[in-house]
Full PDB file with SEQRES, HELIX, SHEET, SSBOND, CRYST1, ORIGX, SCALE, CONECT and MASTER records, all heavy atoms in Angstrom:
SEQRES   1 A   38  VAL GLY VAL THR TYR ARG ASP LYS THR GLY LEU HIS GLN          
SEQRES   2 A   38  VAL ILE CYS THR ARG GLU VAL ILE LEU SER ALA GLY SER          
SEQRES   3 A   38  LEU VAL THR PRO LYS LEU LEU MET LEU SER GLY ILE              
HELIX    1 AA1 THR A   29  LEU A   35  1                                   7    
SHEET    1 AA1 2 GLY A   2  ASP A   7  0                                        
SHEET    2 AA1 2 GLY A  10  ILE A  15 -1                                        
CRYST1    1.000    1.000    1.000  90.00  90.00  90.00 P 1           1          
ORIGX1      1.000000  0.000000  0.000000        0.00000                         
ORIGX2      0.000000  1.000000  0.000000        0.00000                         
ORIGX3      0.000000  0.000000  1.000000        0.00000                         
SCALE1      1.000000  0.000000  0.000000        0.00000                         
SCALE2      0.000000  1.000000  0.000000        0.00000                         
SCALE3      0.000000  0.000000  1.000000        0.00000                         
ATOM      1  N   VAL A   1       0.828  -1.210   0.000  1.00  0.00           N  
ATOM      2  CA  VAL A   1      -0.008   0.009  -0.036  1.00  0.00           C  
ATOM      3  C   VAL A   1       0.854   1.272   0.006  1.00  0.00           C  
ATOM      4  O   VAL A   1       0.308   2.376  -0.070  1.00  0.00           O  
ATOM      5  CB  VAL A   1      -0.970   0.035   1.205  1.00  0.00           C  
ATOM      6  CG1 VAL A   1      -1.936  -1.130   1.084  1.00  0.00           C  
ATOM      7  CG2 VAL A   1      -0.202  -0.040   2.542  1.00  0.00           C  
ATOM      8  N   GLY A   2       2.143   1.110   0.079  1.00  0.00           N  
ATOM      9  CA  GLY A   2       3.038   2.335   0.085  1.00  0.00           C  
ATOM     10  C   GLY A   2       4.408   1.944   0.606  1.00  0.00           C  
ATOM     11  O   GLY A   2       4.805   0.780   0.716  1.00  0.00           O  
ATOM     12  N   VAL A   3       5.181   2.970   0.888  1.00  0.00           N  
ATOM     13  CA  VAL A   3       6.547   2.750   1.428  1.00  0.00           C  
ATOM     14  C   VAL A   3       6.829   3.795   2.517  1.00  0.00           C  
ATOM     15  O   VAL A   3       6.178   4.867   2.588  1.00  0.00           O  
ATOM     16  CB  VAL A   3       7.633   2.871   0.340  1.00  0.00           C  
ATOM     17  CG1 VAL A   3       7.335   1.940  -0.803  1.00  0.00           C  
ATOM     18  CG2 VAL A   3       7.779   4.299  -0.146  1.00  0.00           C  
ATOM     19  N   THR A   4       7.767   3.474   3.388  1.00  0.00           N  
ATOM     20  CA  THR A   4       8.288   4.425   4.324  1.00  0.00           C  
ATOM     21  C   THR A   4       9.740   4.738   3.926  1.00  0.00           C  
ATOM     22  O   THR A   4      10.518   3.826   3.653  1.00  0.00           O  
ATOM     23  CB  THR A   4       8.257   3.840   5.750  1.00  0.00           C  
ATOM     24  OG1 THR A   4       6.907   3.529   6.097  1.00  0.00           O  
ATOM     25  CG2 THR A   4       8.885   4.797   6.767  1.00  0.00           C  
ATOM     26  N   TYR A   5      10.055   6.042   3.866  1.00  0.00           N  
ATOM     27  CA  TYR A   5      11.399   6.449   3.529  1.00  0.00           C  
ATOM     28  C   TYR A   5      11.895   7.543   4.423  1.00  0.00           C  
ATOM     29  O   TYR A   5      11.172   8.206   5.133  1.00  0.00           O  
ATOM     30  CB  TYR A   5      11.486   6.878   2.026  1.00  0.00           C  
ATOM     31  CG  TYR A   5      10.889   8.218   1.729  1.00  0.00           C  
ATOM     32  CD1 TYR A   5      11.690   9.364   1.759  1.00  0.00           C  
ATOM     33  CD2 TYR A   5       9.543   8.349   1.373  1.00  0.00           C  
ATOM     34  CE1 TYR A   5      11.146  10.624   1.452  1.00  0.00           C  
ATOM     35  CE2 TYR A   5       8.969   9.602   1.088  1.00  0.00           C  
ATOM     36  CZ  TYR A   5       9.791  10.741   1.120  1.00  0.00           C  
ATOM     37  OH  TYR A   5       9.293  11.943   0.824  1.00  0.00           O  
ATOM     38  N   ARG A   6      13.223   7.673   4.475  1.00  0.00           N  
ATOM     39  CA  ARG A   6      13.878   8.662   5.273  1.00  0.00           C  
ATOM     40  C   ARG A   6      14.658   9.630   4.419  1.00  0.00           C  
ATOM     41  O   ARG A   6      15.381   9.225   3.512  1.00  0.00           O  
ATOM     42  CB  ARG A   6      14.815   8.036   6.311  1.00  0.00           C  
ATOM     43  CG  ARG A   6      15.515   9.038   7.238  1.00  0.00           C  
ATOM     44  CD  ARG A   6      16.488   8.377   8.205  1.00  0.00           C  
ATOM     45  NE  ARG A   6      15.727   7.555   9.158  1.00  0.00           N  
ATOM     46  CZ  ARG A   6      15.185   8.007  10.267  1.00  0.00           C  
ATOM     47  NH1 ARG A   6      15.236   9.328  10.565  1.00  0.00           N  
ATOM     48  NH2 ARG A   6      14.550   7.225  11.101  1.00  0.00           N  
ATOM     49  N   ASP A   7      14.512  10.931   4.704  1.00  0.00           N  
ATOM     50  CA  ASP A   7      15.371  11.928   4.057  1.00  0.00           C  
ATOM     51  C   ASP A   7      15.954  12.849   5.149  1.00  0.00           C  
ATOM     52  O   ASP A   7      15.863  12.515   6.345  1.00  0.00           O  
ATOM     53  CB  ASP A   7      14.630  12.716   2.973  1.00  0.00           C  
ATOM     54  CG  ASP A   7      13.468  13.522   3.533  1.00  0.00           C  
ATOM     55  OD1 ASP A   7      13.354  13.723   4.765  1.00  0.00           O  
ATOM     56  OD2 ASP A   7      12.674  14.001   2.662  1.00  0.00           O  
ATOM     57  N   LYS A   8      16.488  13.966   4.812  1.00  0.00           N  
ATOM     58  CA  LYS A   8      17.134  14.845   5.758  1.00  0.00           C  
ATOM     59  C   LYS A   8      16.127  15.361   6.796  1.00  0.00           C  
ATOM     60  O   LYS A   8      16.554  15.803   7.902  1.00  0.00           O  
ATOM     61  CB  LYS A   8      17.817  16.024   5.035  1.00  0.00           C  
ATOM     62  CG  LYS A   8      18.985  15.606   4.170  1.00  0.00           C  
ATOM     63  CD  LYS A   8      19.624  16.844   3.487  1.00  0.00           C  
ATOM     64  CE  LYS A   8      20.802  16.421   2.624  1.00  0.00           C  
ATOM     65  NZ  LYS A   8      21.391  17.601   1.907  1.00  0.00           N  
ATOM     66  N   THR A   9      14.870  15.403   6.450  1.00  0.00           N  
ATOM     67  CA  THR A   9      13.859  15.981   7.364  1.00  0.00           C  
ATOM     68  C   THR A   9      13.212  14.921   8.296  1.00  0.00           C  
ATOM     69  O   THR A   9      12.381  15.284   9.133  1.00  0.00           O  
ATOM     70  CB  THR A   9      12.765  16.729   6.599  1.00  0.00           C  
ATOM     71  OG1 THR A   9      12.048  15.792   5.814  1.00  0.00           O  
ATOM     72  CG2 THR A   9      13.393  17.791   5.704  1.00  0.00           C  
ATOM     73  N   GLY A  10      13.536  13.646   8.063  1.00  0.00           N  
ATOM     74  CA  GLY A  10      12.932  12.584   8.903  1.00  0.00           C  
ATOM     75  C   GLY A  10      12.268  11.500   8.116  1.00  0.00           C  
ATOM     76  O   GLY A  10      12.518  11.311   6.927  1.00  0.00           O  
ATOM     77  N   LEU A  11      11.372  10.802   8.791  1.00  0.00           N  
ATOM     78  CA  LEU A  11      10.633   9.678   8.186  1.00  0.00           C  
ATOM     79  C   LEU A  11       9.349  10.189   7.519  1.00  0.00           C  
ATOM     80  O   LEU A  11       8.670  11.116   8.003  1.00  0.00           O  
ATOM     81  CB  LEU A  11      10.259   8.640   9.260  1.00  0.00           C  
ATOM     82  CG  LEU A  11      11.325   7.665   9.675  1.00  0.00           C  
ATOM     83  CD1 LEU A  11      10.772   6.774  10.802  1.00  0.00           C  
ATOM     84  CD2 LEU A  11      11.808   6.828   8.543  1.00  0.00           C  
ATOM     85  N   HIS A  12       9.029   9.562   6.366  1.00  0.00           N  
ATOM     86  CA  HIS A  12       7.832   9.891   5.638  1.00  0.00           C  
ATOM     87  C   HIS A  12       7.179   8.609   5.171  1.00  0.00           C  
ATOM     88  O   HIS A  12       7.867   7.661   4.788  1.00  0.00           O  
ATOM     89  CB  HIS A  12       8.171  10.770   4.423  1.00  0.00           C  
ATOM     90  CG  HIS A  12       8.974  11.978   4.744  1.00  0.00           C  
ATOM     91  ND1 HIS A  12       8.391  13.162   5.117  1.00  0.00           N  
ATOM     92  CD2 HIS A  12      10.297  12.171   4.759  1.00  0.00           C  
ATOM     93  CE1 HIS A  12       9.374  14.073   5.369  1.00  0.00           C  
ATOM     94  NE2 HIS A  12      10.520  13.481   5.159  1.00  0.00           N  
ATOM     95  N   GLN A  13       5.840   8.635   5.126  1.00  0.00           N  
ATOM     96  CA  GLN A  13       5.131   7.487   4.596  1.00  0.00           C  
ATOM     97  C   GLN A  13       4.278   7.956   3.430  1.00  0.00           C  
ATOM     98  O   GLN A  13       3.612   8.980   3.475  1.00  0.00           O  
ATOM     99  CB  GLN A  13       4.183   6.899   5.691  1.00  0.00           C  
ATOM    100  CG  GLN A  13       3.546   5.621   5.282  1.00  0.00           C  
ATOM    101  CD  GLN A  13       2.686   5.009   6.384  1.00  0.00           C  
ATOM    102  OE1 GLN A  13       1.879   5.698   6.970  1.00  0.00           O  
ATOM    103  NE2 GLN A  13       2.909   3.728   6.707  1.00  0.00           N  
ATOM    104  N   VAL A  14       4.417   7.269   2.314  1.00  0.00           N  
ATOM    105  CA  VAL A  14       3.629   7.596   1.131  1.00  0.00           C  
ATOM    106  C   VAL A  14       2.847   6.356   0.755  1.00  0.00           C  
ATOM    107  O   VAL A  14       3.297   5.196   0.941  1.00  0.00           O  
ATOM    108  CB  VAL A  14       4.525   8.031  -0.053  1.00  0.00           C  
ATOM    109  CG1 VAL A  14       5.038   9.464   0.185  1.00  0.00           C  
ATOM    110  CG2 VAL A  14       5.681   7.107  -0.255  1.00  0.00           C  
ATOM    111  N   ILE A  15       1.639   6.556   0.261  1.00  0.00           N  
ATOM    112  CA  ILE A  15       0.775   5.449  -0.071  1.00  0.00           C  
ATOM    113  C   ILE A  15       0.449   5.488  -1.551  1.00  0.00           C  
ATOM    114  O   ILE A  15       0.597   6.524  -2.235  1.00  0.00           O  
ATOM    115  CB  ILE A  15      -0.557   5.445   0.772  1.00  0.00           C  
ATOM    116  CG1 ILE A  15      -1.328   6.761   0.521  1.00  0.00           C  
ATOM    117  CG2 ILE A  15      -0.208   5.291   2.216  1.00  0.00           C  
ATOM    118  CD1 ILE A  15      -2.646   6.808   1.236  1.00  0.00           C  
ATOM    119  N   CYS A  16       0.083   4.350  -2.111  1.00  0.00           N  
ATOM    120  CA  CYS A  16      -0.225   4.280  -3.524  1.00  0.00           C  
ATOM    121  C   CYS A  16      -1.567   3.570  -3.735  1.00  0.00           C  
ATOM    122  O   CYS A  16      -1.944   2.673  -2.924  1.00  0.00           O  
ATOM    123  CB  CYS A  16       0.853   3.580  -4.322  1.00  0.00           C  
ATOM    124  SG  CYS A  16       1.159   1.891  -3.859  1.00  0.00           S  
ATOM    125  N   THR A  17      -2.249   3.951  -4.758  1.00  0.00           N  
ATOM    126  CA  THR A  17      -3.536   3.341  -5.094  1.00  0.00           C  
ATOM    127  C   THR A  17      -3.413   2.133  -5.995  1.00  0.00           C  
ATOM    128  O   THR A  17      -4.305   1.325  -6.121  1.00  0.00           O  
ATOM    129  CB  THR A  17      -4.468   4.368  -5.764  1.00  0.00           C  
ATOM    130  OG1 THR A  17      -3.860   4.821  -6.957  1.00  0.00           O  
ATOM    131  CG2 THR A  17      -4.686   5.535  -4.782  1.00  0.00           C  
ATOM    132  N   ARG A  18      -2.218   2.006  -6.697  1.00  0.00           N  
ATOM    133  CA  ARG A  18      -2.096   0.918  -7.663  1.00  0.00           C  
ATOM    134  C   ARG A  18      -0.942  -0.028  -7.301  1.00  0.00           C  
ATOM    135  O   ARG A  18      -1.145  -1.096  -6.894  1.00  0.00           O  
ATOM    136  CB  ARG A  18      -1.973   1.506  -9.081  1.00  0.00           C  
ATOM    137  CG  ARG A  18      -3.247   2.247  -9.494  1.00  0.00           C  
ATOM    138  CD  ARG A  18      -3.106   2.898 -10.855  1.00  0.00           C  
ATOM    139  NE  ARG A  18      -3.001   1.976 -11.956  1.00  0.00           N  
ATOM    140  CZ  ARG A  18      -2.948   2.280 -13.214  1.00  0.00           C  
ATOM    141  NH1 ARG A  18      -3.014   3.578 -13.573  1.00  0.00           N  
ATOM    142  NH2 ARG A  18      -2.842   1.342 -14.166  1.00  0.00           N  
ATOM    143  N   GLU A  19       0.317   0.470  -7.466  1.00  0.00           N  
ATOM    144  CA  GLU A  19       1.441  -0.485  -7.278  1.00  0.00           C  
ATOM    145  C   GLU A  19       2.669   0.222  -6.717  1.00  0.00           C  
ATOM    146  O   GLU A  19       2.923   1.393  -6.976  1.00  0.00           O  
ATOM    147  CB  GLU A  19       1.830  -1.154  -8.577  1.00  0.00           C  
ATOM    148  CG  GLU A  19       0.798  -2.108  -9.161  1.00  0.00           C  
ATOM    149  CD  GLU A  19       1.320  -2.816 -10.405  1.00  0.00           C  
ATOM    150  OE1 GLU A  19       2.438  -2.518 -10.812  1.00  0.00           O  
ATOM    151  OE2 GLU A  19       0.547  -3.607 -10.985  1.00  0.00           O  
ATOM    152  N   VAL A  20       3.432  -0.563  -5.942  1.00  0.00           N  
ATOM    153  CA  VAL A  20       4.837  -0.198  -5.623  1.00  0.00           C  
ATOM    154  C   VAL A  20       5.739  -0.996  -6.594  1.00  0.00           C  
ATOM    155  O   VAL A  20       5.532  -2.226  -6.764  1.00  0.00           O  
ATOM    156  CB  VAL A  20       5.175  -0.584  -4.148  1.00  0.00           C  
ATOM    157  CG1 VAL A  20       6.645  -0.326  -3.901  1.00  0.00           C  
ATOM    158  CG2 VAL A  20       4.321   0.272  -3.195  1.00  0.00           C  
ATOM    159  N   ILE A  21       6.710  -0.335  -7.167  1.00  0.00           N  
ATOM    160  CA  ILE A  21       7.635  -0.997  -8.083  1.00  0.00           C  
ATOM    161  C   ILE A  21       9.044  -0.834  -7.507  1.00  0.00           C  
ATOM    162  O   ILE A  21       9.572   0.291  -7.395  1.00  0.00           O  
ATOM    163  CB  ILE A  21       7.552  -0.359  -9.510  1.00  0.00           C  
ATOM    164  CG1 ILE A  21       6.139  -0.585 -10.091  1.00  0.00           C  
ATOM    165  CG2 ILE A  21       8.631  -0.952 -10.399  1.00  0.00           C  
ATOM    166  CD1 ILE A  21       5.905   0.125 -11.393  1.00  0.00           C  
ATOM    167  N   LEU A  22       9.641  -1.952  -7.170  1.00  0.00           N  
ATOM    168  CA  LEU A  22      11.036  -1.922  -6.632  1.00  0.00           C  
ATOM    169  C   LEU A  22      12.036  -1.948  -7.756  1.00  0.00           C  
ATOM    170  O   LEU A  22      12.006  -2.870  -8.595  1.00  0.00           O  
ATOM    171  CB  LEU A  22      11.280  -3.080  -5.683  1.00  0.00           C  
ATOM    172  CG  LEU A  22      10.563  -3.088  -4.339  1.00  0.00           C  
ATOM    173  CD1 LEU A  22      10.935  -4.306  -3.533  1.00  0.00           C  
ATOM    174  CD2 LEU A  22      10.916  -1.831  -3.564  1.00  0.00           C  
ATOM    175  N   SER A  23      12.924  -0.996  -7.789  1.00  0.00           N  
ATOM    176  CA  SER A  23      13.968  -0.894  -8.795  1.00  0.00           C  
ATOM    177  C   SER A  23      15.248  -0.397  -8.189  1.00  0.00           C  
ATOM    178  O   SER A  23      15.879   0.549  -8.741  1.00  0.00           O  
ATOM    179  CB  SER A  23      13.479  -0.018  -9.971  1.00  0.00           C  
ATOM    180  OG  SER A  23      14.350  -0.121 -11.039  1.00  0.00           O  
ATOM    181  N   ALA A  24      15.633  -0.924  -7.058  1.00  0.00           N  
ATOM    182  CA  ALA A  24      16.783  -0.432  -6.275  1.00  0.00           C  
ATOM    183  C   ALA A  24      18.065  -1.162  -6.595  1.00  0.00           C  
ATOM    184  O   ALA A  24      19.078  -0.936  -5.947  1.00  0.00           O  
ATOM    185  CB  ALA A  24      16.445  -0.508  -4.783  1.00  0.00           C  
ATOM    186  N   GLY A  25      18.021  -2.085  -7.549  1.00  0.00           N  
ATOM    187  CA  GLY A  25      19.239  -2.817  -7.931  1.00  0.00           C  
ATOM    188  C   GLY A  25      19.337  -4.167  -7.238  1.00  0.00           C  
ATOM    189  O   GLY A  25      18.688  -4.462  -6.239  1.00  0.00           O  
ATOM    190  N   SER A  26      20.187  -4.999  -7.777  1.00  0.00           N  
ATOM    191  CA  SER A  26      20.229  -6.412  -7.376  1.00  0.00           C  
ATOM    192  C   SER A  26      20.814  -6.611  -5.956  1.00  0.00           C  
ATOM    193  O   SER A  26      20.712  -7.717  -5.430  1.00  0.00           O  
ATOM    194  CB  SER A  26      21.076  -7.264  -8.346  1.00  0.00           C  
ATOM    195  OG  SER A  26      20.426  -7.278  -9.599  1.00  0.00           O  
ATOM    196  N   LEU A  27      21.445  -5.590  -5.375  1.00  0.00           N  
ATOM    197  CA  LEU A  27      21.956  -5.713  -4.033  1.00  0.00           C  
ATOM    198  C   LEU A  27      20.997  -5.055  -2.989  1.00  0.00           C  
ATOM    199  O   LEU A  27      20.986  -5.564  -1.865  1.00  0.00           O  
ATOM    200  CB  LEU A  27      23.350  -5.037  -3.940  1.00  0.00           C  
ATOM    201  CG  LEU A  27      24.367  -5.588  -4.949  1.00  0.00           C  
ATOM    202  CD1 LEU A  27      25.698  -4.910  -4.684  1.00  0.00           C  
ATOM    203  CD2 LEU A  27      24.478  -7.098  -4.932  1.00  0.00           C  
ATOM    204  N   VAL A  28      20.227  -4.094  -3.374  1.00  0.00           N  
ATOM    205  CA  VAL A  28      19.333  -3.415  -2.450  1.00  0.00           C  
ATOM    206  C   VAL A  28      17.887  -3.864  -2.546  1.00  0.00           C  
ATOM    207  O   VAL A  28      17.171  -3.936  -1.559  1.00  0.00           O  
ATOM    208  CB  VAL A  28      19.438  -1.885  -2.630  1.00  0.00           C  
ATOM    209  CG1 VAL A  28      18.516  -1.128  -1.690  1.00  0.00           C  
ATOM    210  CG2 VAL A  28      20.879  -1.422  -2.358  1.00  0.00           C  
ATOM    211  N   THR A  29      17.442  -4.207  -3.764  1.00  0.00           N  
ATOM    212  CA  THR A  29      16.063  -4.686  -3.875  1.00  0.00           C  
ATOM    213  C   THR A  29      15.801  -5.916  -2.965  1.00  0.00           C  
ATOM    214  O   THR A  29      14.808  -5.960  -2.249  1.00  0.00           O  
ATOM    215  CB  THR A  29      15.723  -5.029  -5.343  1.00  0.00           C  
ATOM    216  OG1 THR A  29      15.525  -3.781  -6.029  1.00  0.00           O  
ATOM    217  CG2 THR A  29      14.460  -5.860  -5.470  1.00  0.00           C  
ATOM    218  N   PRO A  30      16.668  -6.957  -2.970  1.00  0.00           N  
ATOM    219  CA  PRO A  30      16.418  -8.063  -2.038  1.00  0.00           C  
ATOM    220  C   PRO A  30      16.449  -7.639  -0.583  1.00  0.00           C  
ATOM    221  O   PRO A  30      15.703  -8.172   0.257  1.00  0.00           O  
ATOM    222  CB  PRO A  30      17.465  -9.092  -2.376  1.00  0.00           C  
ATOM    223  CG  PRO A  30      18.548  -8.312  -3.092  1.00  0.00           C  
ATOM    224  CD  PRO A  30      17.848  -7.242  -3.819  1.00  0.00           C  
ATOM    225  N   LYS A  31      17.323  -6.690  -0.253  1.00  0.00           N  
ATOM    226  CA  LYS A  31      17.376  -6.153   1.109  1.00  0.00           C  
ATOM    227  C   LYS A  31      16.037  -5.553   1.489  1.00  0.00           C  
ATOM    228  O   LYS A  31      15.499  -5.815   2.563  1.00  0.00           O  
ATOM    229  CB  LYS A  31      18.496  -5.140   1.214  1.00  0.00           C  
ATOM    230  CG  LYS A  31      18.488  -4.339   2.522  1.00  0.00           C  
ATOM    231  CD  LYS A  31      19.507  -3.162   2.478  1.00  0.00           C  
ATOM    232  CE  LYS A  31      19.171  -2.139   3.552  1.00  0.00           C  
ATOM    233  NZ  LYS A  31      20.108  -1.014   3.525  1.00  0.00           N  
ATOM    234  N   LEU A  32      15.485  -4.708   0.579  1.00  0.00           N  
ATOM    235  CA  LEU A  32      14.206  -4.115   0.892  1.00  0.00           C  
ATOM    236  C   LEU A  32      13.060  -5.100   0.994  1.00  0.00           C  
ATOM    237  O   LEU A  32      12.163  -4.963   1.857  1.00  0.00           O  
ATOM    238  CB  LEU A  32      13.884  -3.007  -0.170  1.00  0.00           C  
ATOM    239  CG  LEU A  32      14.738  -1.760  -0.140  1.00  0.00           C  
ATOM    240  CD1 LEU A  32      14.379  -0.863  -1.298  1.00  0.00           C  
ATOM    241  CD2 LEU A  32      14.573  -1.052   1.185  1.00  0.00           C  
ATOM    242  N   LEU A  33      13.088  -6.118   0.124  1.00  0.00           N  
ATOM    243  CA  LEU A  33      12.059  -7.171   0.246  1.00  0.00           C  
ATOM    244  C   LEU A  33      12.150  -7.854   1.602  1.00  0.00           C  
ATOM    245  O   LEU A  33      11.118  -8.055   2.303  1.00  0.00           O  
ATOM    246  CB  LEU A  33      12.271  -8.186  -0.869  1.00  0.00           C  
ATOM    247  CG  LEU A  33      11.855  -7.740  -2.285  1.00  0.00           C  
ATOM    248  CD1 LEU A  33      12.322  -8.770  -3.334  1.00  0.00           C  
ATOM    249  CD2 LEU A  33      10.349  -7.604  -2.379  1.00  0.00           C  
ATOM    250  N   MET A  34      13.326  -8.166   2.022  1.00  0.00           N  
ATOM    251  CA  MET A  34      13.485  -8.865   3.313  1.00  0.00           C  
ATOM    252  C   MET A  34      13.136  -7.945   4.500  1.00  0.00           C  
ATOM    253  O   MET A  34      12.471  -8.402   5.469  1.00  0.00           O  
ATOM    254  CB  MET A  34      14.905  -9.415   3.466  1.00  0.00           C  
ATOM    255  CG  MET A  34      15.179 -10.594   2.501  1.00  0.00           C  
ATOM    256  SD  MET A  34      16.783 -11.432   2.720  1.00  0.00           S  
ATOM    257  CE  MET A  34      17.852 -10.310   1.801  1.00  0.00           C  
ATOM    258  N   LEU A  35      13.518  -6.688   4.458  1.00  0.00           N  
ATOM    259  CA  LEU A  35      13.101  -5.755   5.524  1.00  0.00           C  
ATOM    260  C   LEU A  35      11.596  -5.606   5.569  1.00  0.00           C  
ATOM    261  O   LEU A  35      11.070  -5.252   6.647  1.00  0.00           O  
ATOM    262  CB  LEU A  35      13.762  -4.410   5.272  1.00  0.00           C  
ATOM    263  CG  LEU A  35      15.285  -4.298   5.492  1.00  0.00           C  
ATOM    264  CD1 LEU A  35      15.768  -2.917   5.099  1.00  0.00           C  
ATOM    265  CD2 LEU A  35      15.631  -4.622   6.974  1.00  0.00           C  
ATOM    266  N   SER A  36      10.929  -5.893   4.487  1.00  0.00           N  
ATOM    267  CA  SER A  36       9.449  -5.767   4.429  1.00  0.00           C  
ATOM    268  C   SER A  36       8.744  -7.075   4.785  1.00  0.00           C  
ATOM    269  O   SER A  36       7.533  -7.107   4.658  1.00  0.00           O  
ATOM    270  CB  SER A  36       9.039  -5.320   3.028  1.00  0.00           C  
ATOM    271  OG  SER A  36       9.750  -4.152   2.600  1.00  0.00           O  
ATOM    272  N   GLY A  37       9.523  -8.091   5.144  1.00  0.00           N  
ATOM    273  CA  GLY A  37       8.915  -9.366   5.514  1.00  0.00           C  
ATOM    274  C   GLY A  37       8.720 -10.330   4.362  1.00  0.00           C  
ATOM    275  O   GLY A  37       7.959 -11.302   4.470  1.00  0.00           O  
ATOM    276  N   ILE A  38       9.441 -10.101   3.258  1.00  0.00           N  
ATOM    277  CA  ILE A  38       9.327 -10.965   2.059  1.00  0.00           C  
ATOM    278  C   ILE A  38      10.714 -11.612   1.806  1.00  0.00           C  
ATOM    279  O   ILE A  38      11.642 -10.915   1.499  1.00  0.00           O  
ATOM    280  CB  ILE A  38       8.902 -10.120   0.842  1.00  0.00           C  
ATOM    281  CG1 ILE A  38       7.586  -9.412   1.157  1.00  0.00           C  
ATOM    282  CG2 ILE A  38       8.801 -10.995  -0.387  1.00  0.00           C  
ATOM    283  CD1 ILE A  38       7.263  -8.329   0.119  1.00  0.00           C  
TER     284      ILE A  38                                                      
MASTER        0    0    0    1    2    0    0    6  283    1    0    3          
END                                                                             
């Protein structure tokens, strides 16, 4: 339903109505999947 990200101002949550698309590369995409419980 969305993602949580951090920037210089702190944590932010954004939501989506259709899809999240992971394109963080072959070393970070699996890391994000696992951090998300996948």
